[in-house]
């Protein structure tokens, strides 16, 4: 009685296992293997013409059909009546292989990777097949074998008995010794496209009597990342969640993903610098119970799509998406700056790689979103480019917003605008003449020095106009000088002071191209005027280099 109960339990377990879609609907012929025509065509031709190799190496990522093709090949080479290189499926040999013949031996190298396991395999290879024409050894995950095991396999793999066929499968061919690879015919299995996965899922679900909405199928195919087995397992999961009719929302709930609309809203907030909208979008993701790791993965793929749309235009073939989705990508990418997209991608990928290190993953994601929207404190090249892009997308501020005062004092009608070539001398104050004789002033070749108060006002007004010009020429350079002010105008030398806390901005102005922009701006407002930048600490380490570039027209003190 106990034995019967154990047998019945075992049968129930086997029945449940057979209900898994990827096992119940495994391809039985080469024609049913999707997306690998470059391999199945060669294998069919070799079987039909009888020109078989003694060893095959199947490489590729998970779920692309390596083990399935190996099993089909093991039936095809032993089939008594092959049809155009395909196993007939009805002869005694095909039935034996399908039921589990002792002549077709599957080995998992991950758990049988020692030299003793390989020696046992070699001993089995010396014996003739018991029931079939060929004895076939399928070694899965062959890269897991030890070096000693590979060495033991070399000679037999090179010159096996005529009745033996080796089929090696691996997801990491780079780990195999070159001596092993050179003894096999290598076939590289491609990742499946979304179109291939959707088509196969539709056919499988039709046989199973179930329906998943088209958008849901695309979500599953995208999450499968090119693996058919992953796609069938996810479809199985969705059917268990929602029954035989699965909607797009059911798929989102089962996978923990977010909708395309949510991804688009989040991306728009990040690209426009709206930190509040980005943080609120993240809050909605959390409230809906979505997995934050899946959310970041989806968001990084969305930004990749925007980057490719910005770079390549219509690239539906690269993104493997519908025409409608491609148009939405292009619409968003058209209004976005490439530097902003790149910076957002770098920040998202960075926090995604470190997410498991944080006990509260929401916090680093929120800080990353704020950093993307406000890249002010980040001094990396990507952040600076993102800040330039953000400034260029915003309207230029009114002159009154740049500094106070921006507008220079309105000169009298009879007074010439700067520069003053022959400026009149200051009128003498109405005081009693001094008893001693008045000295005769020397001839002035330069403008008479104004008073300190007047010089400070002129310096501030001129520098305000220069900053406005810099803003027009390059918003990024304006960011460096935004808080500066003109403090003195001594002849043709304008002194500009940086706040003590903004030494980094002064360092930014060291770049020759930034200095050239400042020089061009001052020449446009007051030709022939030199600039002097001051801070609490002198910085003259690059002075000689700058003098070589610009001569004496610009100095840094």
Protein backbone atom coordinates (compact mmCIF):
# COMPACT_ATOMS: atom_id res chain seq x y z
CA UNK A 1 0.00 0.00 0.00
CA UNK A 2 2.83 2.36 0.87
CA UNK A 3 4.55 1.56 -2.39
CA UNK A 4 1.37 2.39 -4.33
CA UNK A 5 1.00 5.71 -2.49
CA UNK A 6 4.60 6.61 -3.28
CA UNK A 7 4.06 5.64 -6.93
CA UNK A 8 0.88 7.75 -7.14
CA UNK A 9 2.66 10.74 -5.60
CA UNK A 10 5.49 10.34 -8.08
CA UNK A 11 3.05 10.26 -10.96
CA UNK A 12 1.35 13.43 -9.71
CA UNK A 13 4.71 15.19 -9.54
CA UNK A 14 5.59 14.06 -13.05
CA UNK A 15 2.18 15.21 -14.30
CA UNK A 16 2.73 18.63 -12.78
CA UNK A 17 6.21 18.83 -14.34
CA UNK A 18 4.79 17.98 -17.74
CA UNK A 19 2.40 20.92 -17.47
CA UNK A 20 5.33 23.34 -17.66
CA UNK A 21 4.99 24.91 -21.09
CA UNK A 22 8.68 24.75 -21.95
CA UNK A 23 8.72 20.98 -21.31
CA UNK A 24 5.34 20.07 -22.74
CA UNK A 25 5.84 21.98 -26.00
CA UNK A 26 9.55 21.36 -26.66
CA UNK A 27 10.29 21.24 -30.43
CA UNK A 28 10.44 17.74 -31.89
CA UNK A 29 12.05 18.57 -35.27
CA UNK A 30 14.64 21.00 -36.58
CA UNK A 31 11.90 22.95 -38.39
CA UNK A 32 10.18 23.72 -35.07
CA UNK A 33 13.36 25.28 -33.63
CA UNK A 34 12.83 29.01 -34.13
CA UNK A 35 15.42 31.64 -34.90
CA UNK A 36 18.32 29.23 -35.57
CA UNK A 37 17.95 28.48 -39.28
CA UNK A 38 21.70 28.96 -39.84
CA UNK A 39 22.27 25.90 -37.61
CA UNK A 40 19.30 23.65 -38.28
CA UNK A 41 19.82 23.85 -42.05
CA UNK A 42 23.40 22.56 -41.73
CA UNK A 43 22.41 19.78 -39.35
CA UNK A 44 19.58 18.61 -41.62
CA UNK A 45 21.89 18.56 -44.62
CA UNK A 46 24.50 16.52 -42.74
CA UNK A 47 21.91 13.97 -41.60
CA UNK A 48 20.39 13.71 -45.09
CA UNK A 49 23.78 13.26 -46.78
CA UNK A 50 25.27 11.09 -44.03
CA UNK A 51 28.21 13.46 -43.52
CA UNK A 52 28.16 13.68 -39.75
CA UNK A 53 30.90 15.08 -37.58
CA UNK A 54 32.15 13.07 -34.61
CA UNK A 55 31.79 16.07 -32.22
CA UNK A 56 29.61 19.18 -32.10
CA UNK A 57 29.87 22.26 -29.90
CA UNK A 58 26.66 24.22 -29.34
CA UNK A 59 27.27 27.71 -27.86
CA UNK A 60 24.79 30.38 -26.87
CA UNK A 61 22.90 32.04 -24.06
CA UNK A 62 20.25 30.22 -22.05
CA UNK A 63 16.99 29.21 -23.65
CA UNK A 64 18.09 29.51 -27.27
CA UNK A 65 17.69 25.84 -28.20
CA UNK A 66 21.06 24.19 -27.58
CA UNK A 67 19.89 21.14 -25.61
CA UNK A 68 16.72 20.85 -27.69
CA UNK A 69 18.74 20.76 -30.92
CA UNK A 70 21.09 18.19 -29.39
CA UNK A 71 18.15 15.90 -28.57
CA UNK A 72 16.67 16.32 -32.04
CA UNK A 73 20.07 15.51 -33.58
CA UNK A 74 20.37 12.39 -31.40
CA UNK A 75 17.03 11.17 -32.80
CA UNK A 76 17.82 12.18 -36.37
CA UNK A 77 21.13 10.27 -36.57
CA UNK A 78 19.45 7.12 -35.23
CA UNK A 79 16.14 7.44 -37.14
CA UNK A 80 15.37 4.48 -39.37
CA UNK A 81 13.41 6.59 -41.85
CA UNK A 82 14.54 10.25 -41.72
CA UNK A 83 12.50 12.74 -43.76
CA UNK A 84 14.74 15.34 -45.42
CA UNK A 85 17.17 15.19 -42.49
CA UNK A 86 14.37 15.29 -39.89
CA UNK A 87 13.57 12.43 -37.49
CA UNK A 88 10.31 10.75 -38.45
CA UNK A 89 9.17 10.45 -34.84
CA UNK A 90 7.34 7.18 -35.46
CA UNK A 91 10.02 4.53 -35.97
CA UNK A 92 11.24 2.33 -33.12
CA UNK A 93 14.52 4.24 -32.82
CA UNK A 94 12.76 7.63 -32.45
CA UNK A 95 10.43 6.18 -29.85
CA UNK A 96 13.33 4.65 -27.94
CA UNK A 97 15.27 7.92 -27.86
CA UNK A 98 12.20 9.87 -26.79
CA UNK A 99 11.42 7.38 -24.03
CA UNK A 100 15.01 7.46 -22.78
CA UNK A 101 17.36 5.02 -24.45
CA UNK A 102 20.54 3.85 -22.73
CA UNK A 103 22.43 4.73 -25.91
CA UNK A 104 21.68 8.47 -25.56
CA UNK A 105 23.47 9.65 -22.43
CA UNK A 106 22.94 13.18 -21.07
CA UNK A 107 25.56 14.43 -18.61
CA UNK A 108 25.47 17.60 -16.56
CA UNK A 109 29.10 18.74 -16.39
CA UNK A 110 28.29 21.10 -13.53
CA UNK A 111 27.84 18.14 -11.18
CA UNK A 112 30.00 15.59 -13.03
CA UNK A 113 33.12 17.60 -13.68
CA UNK A 114 35.90 15.45 -12.26
CA UNK A 115 38.43 13.42 -14.19
CA UNK A 116 36.89 10.20 -12.82
CA UNK A 117 33.52 11.11 -14.36
CA UNK A 118 35.15 11.66 -17.74
CA UNK A 119 37.07 8.36 -17.49
CA UNK A 120 33.81 6.55 -16.82
CA UNK A 121 32.32 8.24 -19.88
CA UNK A 122 35.29 7.18 -22.01
CA UNK A 123 34.88 3.57 -20.88
CA UNK A 124 31.21 3.63 -21.89
CA UNK A 125 32.17 5.01 -25.29
CA UNK A 126 34.21 1.87 -26.05
CA UNK A 127 31.13 -0.34 -26.07
CA UNK A 128 28.86 -0.69 -29.09
CA UNK A 129 25.30 0.69 -28.87
CA UNK A 130 22.75 -1.63 -27.35
CA UNK A 131 19.70 -0.66 -29.41
CA UNK A 132 20.54 2.21 -31.76
CA UNK A 133 22.93 3.00 -34.56
CA UNK A 134 24.94 5.60 -32.64
CA UNK A 135 25.78 6.10 -29.01
CA UNK A 136 25.32 9.82 -28.36
CA UNK A 137 26.86 11.70 -25.42
CA UNK A 138 25.26 15.09 -24.67
CA UNK A 139 27.44 17.02 -22.20
CA UNK A 140 25.64 20.12 -20.96
CA UNK A 141 27.51 23.10 -19.44
CA UNK A 142 30.75 21.53 -20.61
CA UNK A 143 32.78 24.59 -19.53
CA UNK A 144 32.39 23.37 -15.92
CA UNK A 145 34.75 20.42 -16.47
CA UNK A 146 38.08 20.60 -14.66
CA UNK A 147 41.37 20.94 -16.54
CA UNK A 148 42.22 17.32 -15.78
CA UNK A 149 38.84 16.24 -17.13
CA UNK A 150 39.39 18.19 -20.34
CA UNK A 151 42.80 16.59 -20.79
CA UNK A 152 41.33 13.14 -20.29
CA UNK A 153 38.64 13.86 -22.89
CA UNK A 154 41.00 15.20 -25.56
CA UNK A 155 42.15 11.96 -27.22
CA UNK A 156 38.72 10.32 -27.26
CA UNK A 157 37.13 13.52 -28.56
CA UNK A 158 39.63 13.70 -31.41
CA UNK A 159 39.38 10.05 -32.52
CA UNK A 160 36.26 8.50 -31.01
CA UNK A 161 34.90 5.09 -32.08
CA UNK A 162 32.80 5.22 -35.24
CA UNK A 163 29.61 4.52 -33.34
CA UNK A 164 30.06 7.47 -30.92
CA UNK A 165 28.82 11.04 -31.33
CA UNK A 166 29.68 13.84 -28.87
CA UNK A 167 27.47 16.93 -28.51
CA UNK A 168 28.86 19.57 -26.15
CA UNK A 169 26.70 22.50 -25.01
CA UNK A 170 27.84 25.60 -23.15
CA UNK A 171 26.81 29.15 -22.32
CA UNK A 172 30.43 30.27 -21.85
CA UNK A 173 32.55 29.04 -24.77
CA UNK A 174 35.41 31.38 -23.83
CA UNK A 175 36.18 29.11 -20.88
CA UNK A 176 36.82 26.09 -23.07
CA UNK A 177 40.41 25.13 -23.97
CA UNK A 178 41.29 25.81 -27.57
CA UNK A 179 42.26 22.16 -27.95
CA UNK A 180 38.64 21.15 -27.22
CA UNK A 181 37.08 23.76 -29.50
CA UNK A 182 39.36 22.80 -32.41
CA UNK A 183 38.15 19.17 -32.28
CA UNK A 184 34.46 20.13 -32.69
CA UNK A 185 32.19 21.70 -35.22
CA UNK A 186 31.10 24.89 -33.46
CA UNK A 187 27.61 26.37 -33.81
CA UNK A 188 26.68 29.67 -32.15
CA UNK A 189 23.00 30.01 -31.26
CA UNK A 190 21.59 33.53 -31.56
CA UNK A 191 19.42 35.32 -29.04
CA UNK A 192 15.81 35.22 -30.16
CA UNK A 193 14.12 38.42 -31.27
CA UNK A 194 10.93 39.69 -29.68
CA UNK A 195 9.06 38.87 -32.91
CA UNK A 196 10.27 35.24 -32.79
CA UNK A 197 9.33 34.86 -29.13
CA UNK A 198 5.88 36.42 -29.60
CA UNK A 199 5.15 34.19 -32.59
CA UNK A 200 6.18 31.02 -30.75
CA UNK A 201 4.32 32.03 -27.57
CA UNK A 202 1.17 32.59 -29.62
CA UNK A 203 1.44 29.12 -31.17
CA UNK A 204 2.14 27.42 -27.85
CA UNK A 205 -0.71 29.21 -26.06
CA UNK A 206 -3.09 28.27 -28.86
CA UNK A 207 -2.20 24.59 -28.33
CA UNK A 208 -2.63 25.03 -24.57
CA UNK A 209 -6.03 26.70 -24.96
CA UNK A 210 -4.93 29.99 -23.35
CA UNK A 211 -4.78 33.63 -24.47
CA UNK A 212 -2.45 36.49 -23.50
CA UNK A 213 -3.08 39.96 -24.92
CA UNK A 214 -0.58 41.09 -27.62
CA UNK A 215 0.90 43.85 -25.44
CA UNK A 216 1.29 41.33 -22.63
CA UNK A 217 3.11 38.95 -24.97
CA UNK A 218 5.54 41.72 -25.91
CA UNK A 219 6.18 42.47 -22.24
CA UNK A 220 6.95 38.79 -21.62
CA UNK A 221 9.19 38.61 -24.69
CA UNK A 222 11.10 41.72 -23.62
CA UNK A 223 11.57 40.37 -20.08
CA UNK A 224 12.80 37.02 -21.46
CA UNK A 225 15.90 38.76 -22.88
CA UNK A 226 16.19 36.53 -25.93
CA UNK A 227 15.52 33.18 -24.22
CA UNK A 228 12.54 31.06 -25.28
CA UNK A 229 12.57 28.96 -22.13
CA UNK A 230 12.42 32.10 -19.99
CA UNK A 231 9.51 33.39 -22.05
CA UNK A 232 7.54 30.14 -21.65
CA UNK A 233 8.24 30.08 -17.91
CA UNK A 234 7.01 33.68 -17.56
CA UNK A 235 3.91 32.86 -19.59
CA UNK A 236 3.30 29.88 -17.31
CA UNK A 237 3.62 32.21 -14.33
CA UNK A 238 1.09 34.65 -15.80
CA UNK A 239 -1.38 31.83 -16.56
CA UNK A 240 -1.09 30.65 -12.96
CA UNK A 241 -1.79 34.21 -11.80
CA UNK A 242 -4.75 35.14 -14.03
CA UNK A 243 -6.09 31.93 -15.58
CA UNK A 244 -6.40 31.19 -19.27
CA UNK A 245 -7.11 34.81 -20.29
CA UNK A 246 -4.29 37.17 -19.33
CA UNK A 247 -4.43 40.94 -19.84
CA UNK A 248 -1.54 43.38 -20.14
CA UNK A 249 -2.14 44.55 -16.57
CA UNK A 250 -2.04 40.94 -15.36
CA UNK A 251 1.39 40.56 -16.96
CA UNK A 252 2.62 43.79 -15.33
CA UNK A 253 1.37 42.58 -11.96
CA UNK A 254 2.90 39.13 -12.34
CA UNK A 255 6.29 40.41 -13.53
CA UNK A 256 6.47 43.39 -11.16
CA UNK A 257 7.02 45.75 -14.10
CA UNK A 258 5.65 49.23 -14.72
CA UNK A 259 3.68 50.43 -17.70
CA UNK A 260 5.20 52.23 -20.67
CA UNK A 261 3.29 55.39 -19.71
CA UNK A 262 4.93 55.41 -16.27
CA UNK A 263 8.38 54.97 -17.82
CA UNK A 264 7.71 57.80 -20.26
CA UNK A 265 6.53 60.14 -17.47
CA UNK A 266 9.58 59.35 -15.33
CA UNK A 267 11.97 59.86 -18.23
CA UNK A 268 10.32 63.16 -19.15
CA UNK A 269 10.66 64.43 -15.58
CA UNK A 270 14.34 63.49 -15.46
CA UNK A 271 15.15 65.03 -18.84
CA UNK A 272 13.38 68.32 -18.07
CA UNK A 273 14.95 68.64 -14.62
CA UNK A 274 11.68 68.29 -12.70
CA UNK A 275 12.91 66.58 -9.54
CA UNK A 276 9.53 66.78 -7.81
CA UNK A 277 7.75 64.93 -10.64
CA UNK A 278 10.50 62.29 -10.80
CA UNK A 279 10.33 61.60 -7.05
CA UNK A 280 6.52 61.42 -7.16
CA UNK A 281 6.71 58.95 -10.05
CA UNK A 282 9.03 56.77 -7.96
CA UNK A 283 6.58 57.01 -5.06
CA UNK A 284 3.79 55.71 -7.30
CA UNK A 285 5.98 52.79 -8.35
CA UNK A 286 6.62 51.92 -4.70
CA UNK A 287 2.95 52.30 -3.75
CA UNK A 288 1.95 49.94 -6.53
CA UNK A 289 4.27 47.31 -5.09
CA UNK A 290 6.59 47.15 -8.07
CA UNK A 291 10.07 45.74 -7.73
CA UNK A 292 12.57 48.61 -7.75
CA UNK A 293 15.26 46.52 -9.40
CA UNK A 294 12.90 45.65 -12.26
CA UNK A 295 11.85 49.31 -12.45
CA UNK A 296 15.45 50.51 -12.83
CA UNK A 297 16.12 47.82 -15.42
CA UNK A 298 13.06 48.91 -17.43
CA UNK A 299 14.03 52.58 -17.05
CA UNK A 300 17.58 51.99 -18.26
CA UNK A 301 16.22 50.13 -21.31
CA UNK A 302 13.86 53.05 -21.93
CA UNK A 303 16.74 55.54 -21.87
CA UNK A 304 18.70 53.26 -24.20
CA UNK A 305 15.78 53.42 -26.62
CA UNK A 306 15.74 57.24 -26.36
CA UNK A 307 19.50 57.40 -26.97
CA UNK A 308 19.30 55.18 -30.06
CA UNK A 309 16.30 57.14 -31.33
CA UNK A 310 18.28 60.37 -30.84
CA UNK A 311 21.37 58.94 -32.55
CA UNK A 312 19.91 56.75 -35.31
CA UNK A 313 16.42 58.13 -35.88
CA UNK A 314 13.99 55.36 -36.83
CA UNK A 315 15.73 52.24 -35.49
CA UNK A 316 12.84 49.87 -34.83
CA UNK A 317 15.07 47.01 -36.00
CA UNK A 318 17.66 47.77 -33.31
CA UNK A 319 15.10 48.26 -30.55
CA UNK A 320 12.90 45.40 -31.76
CA UNK A 321 9.77 47.48 -31.15
CA UNK A 322 6.57 48.38 -32.98
CA UNK A 323 6.30 51.39 -35.30
CA UNK A 324 3.96 53.13 -32.83
CA UNK A 325 6.44 52.70 -29.99
CA UNK A 326 9.27 53.90 -32.24
CA UNK A 327 7.36 57.10 -33.02
CA UNK A 328 6.89 57.78 -29.30
CA UNK A 329 10.61 57.28 -28.70
CA UNK A 330 11.48 59.66 -31.52
CA UNK A 331 9.06 62.32 -30.25
CA UNK A 332 10.65 62.35 -26.79
CA UNK A 333 14.21 62.10 -28.13
CA UNK A 334 13.64 65.03 -30.50
CA UNK A 335 13.04 67.42 -27.60
CA UNK A 336 15.78 65.94 -25.38
CA UNK A 337 19.50 66.62 -25.43
CA UNK A 338 21.91 63.74 -25.98
CA UNK A 339 24.14 64.84 -23.08
CA UNK A 340 21.16 64.77 -20.71
CA UNK A 341 20.18 61.27 -21.87
CA UNK A 342 23.74 59.98 -21.45
CA UNK A 343 24.11 61.49 -18.00
CA UNK A 344 20.77 60.03 -16.84
CA UNK A 345 21.74 56.61 -18.18
CA UNK A 346 25.10 56.67 -16.39
CA UNK A 347 23.51 57.61 -13.08
CA UNK A 348 20.73 55.00 -13.36
CA UNK A 349 23.14 52.21 -14.30
CA UNK A 350 25.42 53.21 -11.42
CA UNK A 351 22.71 52.99 -8.76
CA UNK A 352 21.32 49.84 -10.38
CA UNK A 353 24.63 48.04 -9.94
CA UNK A 354 24.79 49.01 -6.25
CA UNK A 355 21.12 48.58 -5.35
CA UNK A 356 21.60 45.32 -3.45
CA UNK A 357 24.08 47.01 -1.11
CA UNK A 358 21.45 49.36 0.33
CA UNK A 359 19.01 48.21 3.04
CA UNK A 360 16.49 50.85 1.87
CA UNK A 361 16.83 50.94 -1.95
CA UNK A 362 14.29 53.73 -2.39
CA UNK A 363 16.61 56.33 -0.84
CA UNK A 364 19.56 55.98 -3.27
CA UNK A 365 17.13 55.99 -6.20
CA UNK A 366 15.55 59.22 -4.99
CA UNK A 367 18.94 60.88 -4.54
CA UNK A 368 19.97 59.69 -8.00
CA UNK A 369 16.84 61.20 -9.52
CA UNK A 370 17.50 64.54 -7.81
CA UNK A 371 21.13 64.45 -8.96
CA UNK A 372 20.02 63.83 -12.55
CA UNK A 373 17.61 66.75 -12.38
CA UNK A 374 20.13 69.08 -10.68
CA UNK A 375 23.65 68.17 -11.79
CA UNK A 376 25.18 71.28 -10.16
CA UNK A 377 27.49 69.69 -7.62
CA UNK A 378 28.81 66.98 -9.94
CA UNK A 379 32.06 68.14 -11.60
CA UNK A 380 32.34 65.23 -14.05
CA UNK A 381 32.42 65.94 -17.77
CA UNK A 382 29.05 64.22 -18.26
CA UNK A 383 27.47 66.37 -15.54
CA UNK A 384 28.87 69.57 -17.03
CA UNK A 385 27.51 68.64 -20.46
CA UNK A 386 24.15 67.84 -18.87
CA UNK A 387 24.10 71.23 -17.17
CA UNK A 388 24.82 72.98 -20.46
CA UNK A 389 22.01 71.03 -22.11
CA UNK A 390 19.63 71.89 -19.28
CA UNK A 391 20.50 75.59 -19.51
CA UNK A 392 20.05 75.59 -23.28
CA UNK A 393 16.56 74.10 -22.98
CA UNK A 394 15.45 76.87 -20.61
CA UNK A 395 14.65 80.43 -21.74
CA UNK A 396 17.45 82.94 -21.19
CA UNK A 397 16.92 85.00 -18.04
CA UNK A 398 16.07 88.67 -18.30
CA UNK A 399 19.03 91.06 -17.88
CA UNK A 400 17.75 92.08 -14.47
CA UNK A 401 18.15 88.48 -13.25
CA UNK A 402 21.83 88.18 -14.09
CA UNK A 403 23.28 90.52 -11.50
CA UNK A 404 22.56 93.86 -9.92
CA UNK A 405 22.89 96.23 -11.47
CA UNK A 406 23.00 94.79 -15.02
CA UNK A 407 22.16 97.96 -16.88
CA UNK A 408 24.98 100.52 -16.79
CA UNK A 409 24.12 104.02 -15.62
CA UNK A 410 22.56 105.93 -18.47
CA UNK A 411 25.18 108.39 -19.71
CA UNK A 412 24.32 111.94 -20.49
CA UNK A 413 23.69 112.75 -24.11
CA UNK A 414 26.93 114.71 -24.43
CA UNK A 415 29.05 112.00 -22.77
CA UNK A 416 30.63 109.37 -25.02
CA UNK A 417 30.21 105.70 -24.21
CA UNK A 418 33.28 103.68 -23.16
CA UNK A 419 36.00 103.39 -24.05
CA UNK A 420 37.01 106.97 -23.44
CA UNK A 421 39.67 108.09 -25.87
CA UNK A 422 39.75 111.76 -24.93
CA UNK A 423 37.63 111.92 -21.84
CA UNK A 424 37.28 115.45 -20.33
CA UNK A 425 38.87 116.04 -16.97
CA UNK A 426 36.79 116.16 -13.87
CA UNK A 427 35.45 119.65 -13.16
CA UNK A 428 37.26 121.34 -10.30
CA UNK A 429 35.20 121.63 -7.12
CA UNK A 430 34.08 125.16 -6.23
CA UNK A 431 36.55 125.94 -3.41
CA UNK A 432 38.74 128.87 -2.57
CA UNK A 433 42.04 128.89 -4.45
CA UNK A 434 44.96 127.58 -2.48
CA UNK A 435 47.73 130.00 -1.59
CA UNK A 436 50.37 127.97 -3.30
CA UNK A 437 50.47 127.83 -7.09
CA UNK A 438 48.63 124.95 -8.78
CA UNK A 439 50.93 122.42 -10.43
CA UNK A 440 50.51 121.95 -14.10
CA UNK A 441 49.20 118.45 -14.87
CA UNK A 442 51.22 116.40 -17.32
CA UNK A 443 49.78 115.52 -20.70
CA UNK A 444 47.49 112.45 -20.32
CA UNK A 445 47.84 109.68 -22.87
CA UNK A 446 45.25 107.55 -21.07
CA UNK A 447 41.92 108.38 -19.50
CA UNK A 448 42.16 110.23 -16.22
CA UNK A 449 41.68 107.80 -13.34
CA UNK A 450 38.15 108.17 -11.94
CA UNK A 451 37.46 108.16 -8.25
CA UNK A 452 37.29 104.84 -6.42
CA UNK A 453 33.50 104.98 -6.09
CA UNK A 454 33.00 105.80 -9.74
CA UNK A 455 35.52 103.17 -10.83
CA UNK A 456 33.71 100.53 -8.78
CA UNK A 457 30.34 101.45 -10.28
CA UNK A 458 31.68 101.45 -13.84
CA UNK A 459 33.48 98.16 -13.25
CA UNK A 460 30.31 96.53 -11.94
CA UNK A 461 28.22 97.88 -14.81
CA UNK A 462 30.71 96.84 -17.49
CA UNK A 463 31.16 93.36 -15.99
CA UNK A 464 27.35 92.97 -15.85
CA UNK A 465 27.21 93.59 -19.60
CA UNK A 466 30.12 91.19 -20.13
CA UNK A 467 28.30 88.47 -18.15
CA UNK A 468 25.21 89.00 -20.30
CA UNK A 469 27.41 88.57 -23.39
CA UNK A 470 28.97 85.41 -21.93
CA UNK A 471 25.47 84.05 -21.28
CA UNK A 472 24.64 84.54 -24.96
CA UNK A 473 27.90 82.97 -26.12
CA UNK A 474 28.08 79.97 -23.76
CA UNK A 475 25.68 79.30 -20.84
CA UNK A 476 28.15 76.92 -19.25
CA UNK A 477 30.83 79.57 -18.86
CA UNK A 478 28.18 81.93 -17.48
CA UNK A 479 27.56 79.36 -14.74
CA UNK A 480 31.17 79.88 -13.56
CA UNK A 481 30.92 83.69 -13.41
CA UNK A 482 27.30 84.03 -12.35
CA UNK A 483 28.10 85.14 -8.77
CA UNK A 484 31.15 87.26 -9.62
CA UNK A 485 31.26 91.05 -9.69
CA UNK A 486 33.45 93.74 -11.13
CA UNK A 487 35.25 95.55 -8.35
CA UNK A 488 37.69 97.95 -9.98
CA UNK A 489 38.50 99.52 -13.33
CA UNK A 490 42.04 100.85 -13.41
CA UNK A 491 42.61 102.27 -16.86
CA UNK A 492 42.23 99.29 -19.21
CA UNK A 493 42.31 96.63 -16.47
CA UNK A 494 38.99 95.32 -15.13
CA UNK A 495 39.25 93.42 -11.85
CA UNK A 496 36.70 90.65 -11.26
CA UNK A 497 36.30 88.97 -7.88
CA UNK A 498 35.04 85.45 -7.21
CA UNK A 499 33.38 84.65 -3.85
CA UNK A 500 35.76 82.89 -1.49
CA UNK A 501 33.56 79.75 -1.48
CA UNK A 502 33.69 79.44 -5.28
CA UNK A 503 37.29 78.50 -5.86
CA UNK A 504 36.08 75.60 -8.03
CA UNK A 505 34.39 78.09 -10.37
CA UNK A 506 37.60 80.07 -10.63
CA UNK A 507 39.41 76.83 -11.40
CA UNK A 508 36.85 76.21 -14.11
CA UNK A 509 37.76 79.52 -15.69
CA UNK A 510 41.35 78.31 -15.99
CA UNK A 511 40.41 76.30 -19.05
CA UNK A 512 41.83 78.11 -22.11
CA UNK A 513 38.56 77.87 -24.03
CA UNK A 514 36.65 79.47 -21.13
CA UNK A 515 39.21 82.27 -20.86
CA UNK A 516 38.92 82.87 -24.59
CA UNK A 517 35.13 83.23 -24.28
CA UNK A 518 35.59 85.76 -21.45
CA UNK A 519 38.16 87.67 -23.54
CA UNK A 520 35.85 87.74 -26.60
CA UNK A 521 33.00 88.98 -24.41
CA UNK A 522 35.01 91.87 -22.88
CA UNK A 523 36.34 92.81 -26.34
CA UNK A 524 32.74 93.03 -27.59
CA UNK A 525 31.78 95.40 -24.73
CA UNK A 526 35.00 97.40 -24.19
CA UNK A 527 37.78 96.61 -26.68
CA UNK A 528 41.31 96.62 -25.38
CA UNK A 529 40.36 95.93 -21.78
CA UNK A 530 42.27 93.33 -19.82
CA UNK A 531 40.71 91.03 -17.22
CA UNK A 532 42.07 90.22 -13.79
CA UNK A 533 40.42 87.44 -11.76
CA UNK A 534 40.94 87.54 -8.00
CA UNK A 535 40.28 85.19 -5.11
CA UNK A 536 41.59 85.02 -1.54
CA UNK A 537 44.35 82.61 -2.64
CA UNK A 538 46.52 83.53 -5.61
CA UNK A 539 46.62 80.99 -8.39
CA UNK A 540 49.48 81.49 -10.82
CA UNK A 541 50.49 77.92 -11.61
CA UNK A 542 49.14 78.15 -15.17
CA UNK A 543 49.90 81.85 -15.71
CA UNK A 544 52.88 81.28 -17.98
CA UNK A 545 50.93 78.84 -20.12
CA UNK A 546 47.99 81.23 -20.43
CA UNK A 547 50.31 84.12 -21.35
CA UNK A 548 51.72 82.00 -24.14
CA UNK A 549 48.19 81.43 -25.43
CA UNK A 550 46.73 84.92 -25.01
CA UNK A 551 49.71 87.22 -24.54
CA UNK A 552 49.40 90.12 -22.13
CA UNK A 553 45.72 90.85 -22.91
CA UNK A 554 44.55 88.60 -20.05
CA UNK A 555 46.10 88.01 -16.64
CA UNK A 556 45.19 85.91 -13.60
CA UNK A 557 46.36 87.12 -10.23
